[in-house]
C-alpha atoms as a PDB file:
ATOM      1  CA  MET A   1       4.050-104.126   7.714  1.00  0.00           C
ATOM      2  CA  GLU A   2       6.502-106.972   8.208  1.00  0.00           C
ATOM      3  CA  ARG A   3       8.129-108.355   5.053  1.00  0.00           C
ATOM      4  CA  LEU A   4       8.636-111.970   4.081  1.00  0.00           C
ATOM      5  CA  SER A   5      12.060-113.311   4.915  1.00  0.00           C
ATOM      6  CA  GLU A   6      14.121-116.276   3.882  1.00  0.00           C
ATOM      7  CA  LYS A   7      12.649-118.054   6.924  1.00  0.00           C
ATOM      8  CA  THR A   8       9.062-117.783   5.639  1.00  0.00           C
ATOM      9  CA  ASN A   9       7.507-119.501   2.630  1.00  0.00           C
ATOM     10  CA  VAL A  10       5.690-117.309   0.130  1.00  0.00           C
ATOM     11  CA  ILE A  11       2.916-119.909   0.007  1.00  0.00           C
ATOM     12  CA  ASN A  12       1.295-120.992   3.257  1.00  0.00           C
ATOM     13  CA  TRP A  13      -2.122-122.334   2.230  1.00  0.00           C
ATOM     14  CA  PHE A  14      -3.736-124.166  -0.684  1.00  0.00           C
ATOM     15  CA  GLU A  15      -7.207-125.391  -1.539  1.00  0.00           C
ATOM     16  CA  ILE A  16      -7.971-128.307  -3.871  1.00  0.00           C
ATOM     17  CA  ALA A  17     -11.533-128.167  -5.189  1.00  0.00           C
ATOM     18  CA  VAL A  18     -13.646-131.321  -4.863  1.00  0.00           C
ATOM     19  CA  THR A  19     -17.154-132.386  -5.799  1.00  0.00           C
ATOM     20  CA  ASP A  20     -17.290-135.510  -3.605  1.00  0.00           C
ATOM     21  CA  THR A  21     -15.573-134.940  -0.262  1.00  0.00           C
ATOM     22  CA  ALA A  22     -15.645-138.561   0.907  1.00  0.00           C
ATOM     23  CA  ARG A  23     -14.204-139.874  -2.365  1.00  0.00           C
ATOM     24  CA  ALA A  24     -11.454-137.229  -2.484  1.00  0.00           C
ATOM     25  CA  LYS A  25     -10.602-137.707   1.210  1.00  0.00           C
ATOM     26  CA  LYS A  26     -10.231-141.471   0.743  1.00  0.00           C
ATOM     27  CA  PHE A  27      -8.061-140.923  -2.369  1.00  0.00           C
ATOM     28  CA  TYR A  28      -5.605-138.534  -0.685  1.00  0.00           C
ATOM     29  CA  GLU A  29      -5.497-140.464   2.600  1.00  0.00           C
ATOM     30  CA  THR A  30      -4.678-143.646   0.692  1.00  0.00           C
ATOM     31  CA  ILE A  31      -2.057-142.352  -1.732  1.00  0.00           C
ATOM     32  CA  LEU A  32      -0.252-140.206   0.866  1.00  0.00           C
ATOM     33  CA  ASP A  33      -0.793-142.558   3.839  1.00  0.00           C
ATOM     34  CA  ILE A  34      -2.224-139.742   5.979  1.00  0.00           C
ATOM     35  CA  GLU A  35      -5.308-139.035   8.073  1.00  0.00           C
ATOM     36  CA  MET A  36      -7.482-136.042   7.234  1.00  0.00           C
ATOM     37  CA  THR A  37     -10.352-134.441   9.142  1.00  0.00           C
ATOM     38  CA  THR A  38     -13.470-132.869   7.665  1.00  0.00           C
ATOM     39  CA  GLN A  39     -15.487-129.951   9.025  1.00  0.00           C
ATOM     40  CA  GLU A  40     -18.694-128.505   7.683  1.00  0.00           C
ATOM     41  CA  ILE A  41     -18.939-124.737   7.916  1.00  0.00           C
ATOM     42  CA  GLY A  42     -22.193-123.454   6.509  1.00  0.00           C
ATOM     43  CA  ASP A  43     -22.496-124.802   2.961  1.00  0.00           C
ATOM     44  CA  GLU A  44     -18.788-125.670   2.740  1.00  0.00           C
ATOM     45  CA  GLU A  45     -16.977-128.913   3.465  1.00  0.00           C
ATOM     46  CA  LEU A  46     -13.310-128.491   4.434  1.00  0.00           C
ATOM     47  CA  THR A  47     -11.048-131.532   4.685  1.00  0.00           C
ATOM     48  CA  PHE A  48      -7.701-130.680   6.227  1.00  0.00           C
ATOM     49  CA  PHE A  49      -4.317-132.056   5.235  1.00  0.00           C
ATOM     50  CA  PRO A  50      -2.212-132.793   8.348  1.00  0.00           C
ATOM     51  CA  ALA A  51      -0.458-129.823   9.938  1.00  0.00           C
ATOM     52  CA  VAL A  52       1.782-129.276  12.927  1.00  0.00           C
ATOM     53  CA  PRO A  53      -0.572-129.042  15.940  1.00  0.00           C
ATOM     54  CA  GLY A  54      -0.702-125.645  17.613  1.00  0.00           C
ATOM     55  CA  VAL A  55       1.191-123.824  14.848  1.00  0.00           C
ATOM     56  CA  ILE A  56      -0.548-120.848  13.295  1.00  0.00           C
ATOM     57  CA  GLN A  57      -0.039-121.550   9.596  1.00  0.00           C
ATOM     58  CA  ALA A  58      -0.256-117.977   8.303  1.00  0.00           C
ATOM     59  CA  THR A  59       2.773-116.849  10.286  1.00  0.00           C
ATOM     60  CA  SER A  60       4.798-120.029  10.675  1.00  0.00           C
ATOM     61  CA  GLY A  61       6.186-120.331   7.167  1.00  0.00           C
ATOM     62  CA  ARG A  62       4.768-123.857   7.011  1.00  0.00           C
ATOM     63  CA  VAL A  63       2.481-124.904   4.196  1.00  0.00           C
ATOM     64  CA  THR A  64      -0.766-126.852   4.491  1.00  0.00           C
ATOM     65  CA  GLY A  65      -4.183-126.832   2.928  1.00  0.00           C
ATOM     66  CA  ILE A  66      -7.564-128.408   2.417  1.00  0.00           C
ATOM     67  CA  LEU A  67      -9.862-130.223   0.073  1.00  0.00           C
ATOM     68  CA  LEU A  68     -12.716-127.752  -0.427  1.00  0.00           C
ATOM     69  CA  LYS A  69     -16.280-128.387  -1.513  1.00  0.00           C
ATOM     70  CA  ASN A  70     -18.421-125.314  -2.046  1.00  0.00           C
ATOM     71  CA  GLU A  71     -20.449-123.673  -4.794  1.00  0.00           C
ATOM     72  CA  PHE A  72     -17.521-121.547  -6.022  1.00  0.00           C
ATOM     73  CA  SER A  73     -14.697-124.121  -6.267  1.00  0.00           C
ATOM     74  CA  LYS A  74     -14.545-126.309  -9.355  1.00  0.00           C
ATOM     75  CA  PRO A  75     -11.985-129.055 -10.031  1.00  0.00           C
ATOM     76  CA  SER A  76      -9.717-128.298 -12.989  1.00  0.00           C
ATOM     77  CA  THR A  77      -6.725-129.506 -14.962  1.00  0.00           C
ATOM     78  CA  ASP A  78      -5.940-125.915 -15.989  1.00  0.00           C
ATOM     79  CA  GLY A  79      -4.112-123.262 -14.025  1.00  0.00           C
ATOM     80  CA  THR A  80      -1.933-123.437 -10.946  1.00  0.00           C
ATOM     81  CA  VAL A  81      -0.522-126.821  -9.913  1.00  0.00           C
ATOM     82  CA  VAL A  82      -0.006-127.744  -6.271  1.00  0.00           C
ATOM     83  CA  TYR A  83       2.985-130.015  -5.517  1.00  0.00           C
ATOM     84  CA  LEU A  84       2.402-132.358  -2.585  1.00  0.00           C
ATOM     85  CA  ASN A  85       5.219-133.908  -0.584  1.00  0.00           C
ATOM     86  CA  ALA A  86       5.658-137.552  -1.645  1.00  0.00           C
ATOM     87  CA  SER A  87       8.635-138.256   0.629  1.00  0.00           C
ATOM     88  CA  PRO A  88      10.342-140.519   1.230  1.00  0.00           C
ATOM     89  CA  ASP A  89       9.702-142.211  -2.159  1.00  0.00           C
ATOM     90  CA  ILE A  90       7.567-140.728  -4.941  1.00  0.00           C
ATOM     91  CA  GLN A  91       7.137-144.089  -6.652  1.00  0.00           C
ATOM     92  CA  GLN A  92       5.350-145.547  -3.620  1.00  0.00           C
ATOM     93  CA  VAL A  93       2.736-142.780  -3.937  1.00  0.00           C
ATOM     94  CA  LEU A  94       2.493-143.101  -7.738  1.00  0.00           C
ATOM     95  CA  ASP A  95       1.859-146.844  -7.465  1.00  0.00           C
ATOM     96  CA  LYS A  96      -1.374-146.131  -5.514  1.00  0.00           C
ATOM     97  CA  ILE A  97      -2.883-143.418  -7.723  1.00  0.00           C
ATOM     98  CA  GLU A  98      -4.543-145.479 -10.457  1.00  0.00           C
ATOM     99  CA  ARG A  99      -5.716-148.153  -7.983  1.00  0.00           C
ATOM    100  CA  CYS A 100      -7.464-145.339  -6.100  1.00  0.00           C
ATOM    101  CA  GLY A 101      -9.230-143.880  -9.135  1.00  0.00           C
ATOM    102  CA  GLY A 102      -6.708-141.275 -10.292  1.00  0.00           C
ATOM    103  CA  LYS A 103      -4.571-141.145 -13.443  1.00  0.00           C
ATOM    104  CA  VAL A 104      -0.824-140.511 -13.682  1.00  0.00           C
ATOM    105  CA  VAL A 105      -0.235-137.991 -16.496  1.00  0.00           C
ATOM    106  CA  VAL A 106       3.480-137.238 -15.947  1.00  0.00           C
ATOM    107  CA  PRO A 107       5.431-140.226 -14.606  1.00  0.00           C
ATOM    108  CA  ARG A 108       8.304-140.028 -12.138  1.00  0.00           C
ATOM    109  CA  THR A 109      10.690-137.522 -13.696  1.00  0.00           C
ATOM    110  CA  GLN A 110      14.107-136.589 -12.350  1.00  0.00           C
ATOM    111  CA  ILE A 111      14.875-132.912 -11.757  1.00  0.00           C
ATOM    112  CA  ILE A 112      17.803-131.227 -10.002  1.00  0.00           C
ATOM    113  CA  ALA A 113      15.938-131.281  -6.661  1.00  0.00           C
ATOM    114  CA  GLY A 114      14.824-134.924  -6.817  1.00  0.00           C
ATOM    115  CA  PHE A 115      11.761-136.242  -8.626  1.00  0.00           C
ATOM    116  CA  ILE A 116       8.375-134.906  -9.703  1.00  0.00           C
ATOM    117  CA  ALA A 117       5.211-136.402 -11.209  1.00  0.00           C
ATOM    118  CA  GLN A 118       1.700-135.193 -12.018  1.00  0.00           C
ATOM    119  CA  PHE A 119      -1.688-136.878 -11.794  1.00  0.00           C
ATOM    120  CA  ILE A 120      -5.393-136.245 -12.199  1.00  0.00           C
ATOM    121  CA  ASP A 121      -7.222-136.927  -8.937  1.00  0.00           C
ATOM    122  CA  THR A 122     -10.680-138.461  -8.518  1.00  0.00           C
ATOM    123  CA  GLU A 123     -12.251-135.012  -8.800  1.00  0.00           C
ATOM    124  CA  GLY A 124     -10.557-134.001 -12.071  1.00  0.00           C
ATOM    125  CA  ASN A 125      -7.778-131.791 -10.635  1.00  0.00           C
ATOM    126  CA  ARG A 126      -4.237-131.836 -11.991  1.00  0.00           C
ATOM    127  CA  VAL A 127      -1.991-132.175  -8.933  1.00  0.00           C
ATOM    128  CA  ALA A 128       1.728-132.891  -8.679  1.00  0.00           C
ATOM    129  CA  LEU A 129       4.133-134.692  -6.363  1.00  0.00           C
ATOM    130  CA  HIS A 130       7.712-133.986  -5.327  1.00  0.00           C
ATOM    131  CA  SER A 131      10.213-136.170  -3.514  1.00  0.00           C
ATOM    132  CA  GLU A 132      13.961-136.141  -3.079  1.00  0.00           C
ATOM    133  CA  HIS A 133      13.984-139.888  -3.952  1.00  0.00           C
END
């Protein structure tokens, strides 16, 4: 079995639980200024964050994920926190969160590697942002 190397991220996929796919999709598209696509697979709704076309995520070392609606996934403010890329300027993303139905719970905070912040999304998840500026 091949081992992880310094060229490969330990994390390559994340799922953010949602109860209302359309609402969550609009929230994330607006605050991050991105376009997302939704697919229904059986009883699940998967809304994909943008990824590099043609790159197999599990082996590329790149990280991406989805908004996931199914009977097993429940939004939560407890547990693991996913940090989304808010480059080039975290404040531009933060300024959209409350207008879009979310709530900033940790404002822009400087760390050694730039800035972080945390928010509660429209579904009730605690999610974070990171940016170098």
